Amino acid sequence: MPIVFGELVIDPGKGVLIVGASGCGKSSLLRAIAGLWHSGSGRIIQPEAKEMLFLPQRPYMLLGSLRSQLLYPLREQEIADEELLRLLEKVNLPDLAARFDGLDAELDWAKVLSVGEQQRIAFARVLLSAPRYAILDEATSALDIANENSLYRQLAASGTTLISVGYRPSILKYHPQVLELTGDGGWQLYAASDYRFDREAPAE
């Protein structure tokens, strides 16, 4: 099922990078698409919640074990330790479990992990749950280009359709389309191959 908002249709496999000046509504639009924001007017048609996963800039870290961080939101699923350790390697956290005495260590993860590590945990969740759509709100803002490319490349290869807000030109290649918001309620859709980031000044 595609995601439809207004006149724009996002079909599976036709991901979109959303850009625009700071304060123009990019994050609000993402939250509305994900079903987390219900103010305003207009129509959005979206798949079931289980087919989408939303990654904010500051990931949600629940209280519990490292295992539960990786399994969220599918906490009842049973995954072998070896698979979870391989998953940590994929997101460039190969020593994380050993550093904290294993997958069942219970800590305040929002305090003991850096934001960059938390963002990689969030990507691990997407790789494990394999949703139809991943909705990413500056989800790699604390990562360097190498880690960002690795994570986006793996998500793109998994078949998950990406809907992202971001300012780095490096993620453009993972989205077939670019939606530029003008800040006055207007928008323009471009093929990624036709879009140049110098159309706008990145927000700090």
Foldseek 3Di string as FASTA:
>chain_A
DWKDWDPDTQDQVFAEEEDEDPPLCPVVVLCVSLVNHDDDDTDIDHDPNLQEAEAELQGDDDFFFQLCLLQPPVNVDDDDQVVVLVLCVLLVNNCVQVVQVHRGRTDPCSPPDDSQSSLSSSLSNCLVSVHQEYEYECSRVPDDLVSVVSSLVSNLVSSRHYYYYDLDPSCLVSHQKYWYRHSPPDIDIDGSVPDDSVVDDDDD
